[in-house]
Amino acid sequence: LIGTRGLLDHEKKEGIILVFGPYSYRNLDWDEHAIYCEMNFGKWESVVIPYECIFRMFDKAGNFIMQFLTMELESYEKKLQEEISKEKNEKQDDNIIEVDFNKRKKKEK
């Protein structure tokens, strides 16, 4: 969500670059879902950036670059559940001791 401006068609397809400079944003905040702020596009506009929409972040000085790979929550939870189940099965297989009582000889009295 970029204020009343919205995204242009080519921006929806190709993405946009937002520059957070000393005079371009204010009231920066975030939670577990998104980044919230106001940005100056000739006038102050509310901006909401969901984390799954962020591809890359970097600073001008080049001190760091972060590239994001996000998954839909359902897909992530499903994959996590599959990995846990797989690990559980592997651990169970490692802990199983098989005993064949058919080959056991009876003690003579």
C-alpha atoms as a PDB file:
ATOM      1  CA  LEU A   1       0.000   0.000   0.000  1.00  0.00           C
ATOM      2  CA  ILE A   2       1.530   3.277  -1.078  1.00  0.00           C
ATOM      3  CA  GLY A   3      -0.856   6.002   0.033  1.00  0.00           C
ATOM      4  CA  THR A   4      -3.342   7.312  -2.511  1.00  0.00           C
ATOM      5  CA  ARG A   5      -0.705   6.933  -5.245  1.00  0.00           C
ATOM      6  CA  GLY A   6      -0.801   3.138  -5.379  1.00  0.00           C
ATOM      7  CA  LEU A   7       1.372   1.201  -7.794  1.00  0.00           C
ATOM      8  CA  LEU A   8       1.500   1.769 -11.540  1.00  0.00           C
ATOM      9  CA  ASP A   9       0.974  -1.276 -13.779  1.00  0.00           C
ATOM     10  CA  HIS A  10       4.661  -1.674 -14.631  1.00  0.00           C
ATOM     11  CA  GLU A  11       5.564  -1.270 -10.939  1.00  0.00           C
ATOM     12  CA  LYS A  12       3.214  -4.115 -10.030  1.00  0.00           C
ATOM     13  CA  LYS A  13       5.054  -6.361 -12.491  1.00  0.00           C
ATOM     14  CA  GLU A  14       8.642  -5.155 -12.074  1.00  0.00           C
ATOM     15  CA  GLY A  15       8.627  -3.835  -8.498  1.00  0.00           C
ATOM     16  CA  ILE A  16       9.848  -0.513  -7.168  1.00  0.00           C
ATOM     17  CA  ILE A  17      12.774   0.811  -5.197  1.00  0.00           C
ATOM     18  CA  LEU A  18      11.956   2.857  -2.118  1.00  0.00           C
ATOM     19  CA  VAL A  19      14.724   5.081  -0.761  1.00  0.00           C
ATOM     20  CA  PHE A  20      14.626   5.770   2.962  1.00  0.00           C
ATOM     21  CA  GLY A  21      16.621   8.976   3.326  1.00  0.00           C
ATOM     22  CA  PRO A  22      16.674  11.545   6.117  1.00  0.00           C
ATOM     23  CA  TYR A  23      13.819  13.568   4.565  1.00  0.00           C
ATOM     24  CA  SER A  24      11.893  10.887   2.646  1.00  0.00           C
ATOM     25  CA  TYR A  25      10.210   9.031   5.529  1.00  0.00           C
ATOM     26  CA  ARG A  26       8.902   9.459   9.041  1.00  0.00           C
ATOM     27  CA  ASN A  27       7.092   7.462  11.729  1.00  0.00           C
ATOM     28  CA  LEU A  28       8.829   4.203  10.847  1.00  0.00           C
ATOM     29  CA  ASP A  29       7.380   1.179  12.671  1.00  0.00           C
ATOM     30  CA  TRP A  30       7.054  -2.578  12.123  1.00  0.00           C
ATOM     31  CA  ASP A  31       5.444  -5.700  13.488  1.00  0.00           C
ATOM     32  CA  GLU A  32       5.460  -9.392  12.573  1.00  0.00           C
ATOM     33  CA  HIS A  33       3.583  -8.686   9.318  1.00  0.00           C
ATOM     34  CA  ALA A  34       4.951  -5.528   7.720  1.00  0.00           C
ATOM     35  CA  ILE A  35       6.874  -2.267   7.853  1.00  0.00           C
ATOM     36  CA  TYR A  36       4.773   0.878   8.309  1.00  0.00           C
ATOM     37  CA  CYS A  37       5.774   4.486   7.717  1.00  0.00           C
ATOM     38  CA  GLU A  38       4.925   7.694   5.947  1.00  0.00           C
ATOM     39  CA  MET A  39       6.901   8.594   2.834  1.00  0.00           C
ATOM     40  CA  ASN A  40       7.138  11.852   0.967  1.00  0.00           C
ATOM     41  CA  PHE A  41       5.910  11.628  -2.644  1.00  0.00           C
ATOM     42  CA  GLY A  42       5.416  15.379  -2.970  1.00  0.00           C
ATOM     43  CA  LYS A  43       3.123  15.001   0.036  1.00  0.00           C
ATOM     44  CA  TRP A  44       3.227  12.624   3.000  1.00  0.00           C
ATOM     45  CA  GLU A  45       1.571   9.287   2.208  1.00  0.00           C
ATOM     46  CA  SER A  46       1.026   6.203   4.394  1.00  0.00           C
ATOM     47  CA  VAL A  47       3.055   3.205   3.269  1.00  0.00           C
ATOM     48  CA  VAL A  48       2.633  -0.431   4.310  1.00  0.00           C
ATOM     49  CA  ILE A  49       5.238  -2.921   3.093  1.00  0.00           C
ATOM     50  CA  PRO A  50       4.458  -6.588   3.862  1.00  0.00           C
ATOM     51  CA  TYR A  51       7.643  -8.588   4.421  1.00  0.00           C
ATOM     52  CA  GLU A  52       6.771 -11.019   1.623  1.00  0.00           C
ATOM     53  CA  CYS A  53       6.947  -8.046  -0.781  1.00  0.00           C
ATOM     54  CA  ILE A  54      10.536  -7.156   0.153  1.00  0.00           C
ATOM     55  CA  PHE A  55      13.151  -8.692  -2.099  1.00  0.00           C
ATOM     56  CA  ARG A  56      16.344  -6.883  -1.144  1.00  0.00           C
ATOM     57  CA  MET A  57      17.520  -4.183   1.268  1.00  0.00           C
ATOM     58  CA  PHE A  58      20.836  -2.360   1.166  1.00  0.00           C
ATOM     59  CA  ASP A  59      22.401   0.796   2.512  1.00  0.00           C
ATOM     60  CA  LYS A  60      23.967   3.500   0.373  1.00  0.00           C
ATOM     61  CA  ALA A  61      27.411   3.072   1.897  1.00  0.00           C
ATOM     62  CA  GLY A  62      27.340  -0.600   0.955  1.00  0.00           C
ATOM     63  CA  ASN A  63      27.927  -1.798   4.483  1.00  0.00           C
ATOM     64  CA  PHE A  64      25.277  -4.475   4.199  1.00  0.00           C
ATOM     65  CA  ILE A  65      22.902  -6.119   1.773  1.00  0.00           C
ATOM     66  CA  MET A  66      20.042  -8.394   2.776  1.00  0.00           C
ATOM     67  CA  GLN A  67      18.255 -10.522   0.226  1.00  0.00           C
ATOM     68  CA  PHE A  68      14.951 -12.017   1.278  1.00  0.00           C
ATOM     69  CA  LEU A  69      13.341 -15.280   0.375  1.00  0.00           C
ATOM     70  CA  THR A  70       9.865 -15.512   1.795  1.00  0.00           C
ATOM     71  CA  MET A  71       7.310 -18.267   1.687  1.00  0.00           C
ATOM     72  CA  GLU A  72       3.610 -18.201   2.262  1.00  0.00           C
ATOM     73  CA  LEU A  73       2.873 -19.124   5.848  1.00  0.00           C
ATOM     74  CA  GLU A  74       0.821 -22.212   4.921  1.00  0.00           C
ATOM     75  CA  SER A  75       3.570 -23.461   2.624  1.00  0.00           C
ATOM     76  CA  TYR A  76       6.211 -22.818   5.298  1.00  0.00           C
ATOM     77  CA  GLU A  77       4.199 -24.574   8.007  1.00  0.00           C
ATOM     78  CA  LYS A  78       3.550 -27.556   5.715  1.00  0.00           C
ATOM     79  CA  LYS A  79       7.238 -27.851   4.822  1.00  0.00           C
ATOM     80  CA  LEU A  80       8.247 -27.520   8.482  1.00  0.00           C
ATOM     81  CA  GLN A  81       5.728 -30.205   9.487  1.00  0.00           C
ATOM     82  CA  GLU A  82       7.092 -32.546   6.776  1.00  0.00           C
ATOM     83  CA  GLU A  83      10.672 -32.015   7.988  1.00  0.00           C
ATOM     84  CA  ILE A  84       9.696 -32.675  11.608  1.00  0.00           C
ATOM     85  CA  SER A  85       7.807 -35.806  10.587  1.00  0.00           C
ATOM     86  CA  LYS A  86      10.764 -37.020   8.506  1.00  0.00           C
ATOM     87  CA  GLU A  87      13.213 -36.431  11.379  1.00  0.00           C
ATOM     88  CA  LYS A  88      10.883 -38.220  13.770  1.00  0.00           C
ATOM     89  CA  ASN A  89      10.669 -41.243  11.471  1.00  0.00           C
ATOM     90  CA  GLU A  90      14.450 -41.325  11.011  1.00  0.00           C
ATOM     91  CA  LYS A  91      15.016 -41.159  14.760  1.00  0.00           C
ATOM     92  CA  GLN A  92      12.451 -43.889  15.343  1.00  0.00           C
ATOM     93  CA  ASP A  93      14.151 -46.077  12.756  1.00  0.00           C
ATOM     94  CA  ASP A  94      17.531 -45.527  14.452  1.00  0.00           C
ATOM     95  CA  ASN A  95      16.133 -46.447  17.859  1.00  0.00           C
ATOM     96  CA  ILE A  96      14.368 -49.645  16.828  1.00  0.00           C
ATOM     97  CA  ILE A  97      16.016 -52.880  17.912  1.00  0.00           C
ATOM     98  CA  GLU A  98      14.642 -55.884  16.130  1.00  0.00           C
ATOM     99  CA  VAL A  99      14.673 -59.212  17.907  1.00  0.00           C
ATOM    100  CA  ASP A 100      13.819 -62.418  16.130  1.00  0.00           C
ATOM    101  CA  PHE A 101      12.439 -64.789  18.770  1.00  0.00           C
ATOM    102  CA  ASN A 102      11.824 -67.510  16.193  1.00  0.00           C
ATOM    103  CA  LYS A 103      15.508 -68.364  16.019  1.00  0.00           C
ATOM    104  CA  ARG A 104      15.900 -68.594  19.783  1.00  0.00           C
ATOM    105  CA  LYS A 105      16.828 -72.019  21.017  1.00  0.00           C
ATOM    106  CA  LYS A 106      14.989 -73.497  23.930  1.00  0.00           C
ATOM    107  CA  LYS A 107      17.101 -74.366  26.934  1.00  0.00           C
ATOM    108  CA  GLU A 108      17.257 -78.034  27.693  1.00  0.00           C
ATOM    109  CA  LYS A 109      16.315 -79.107  31.224  1.00  0.00           C
END
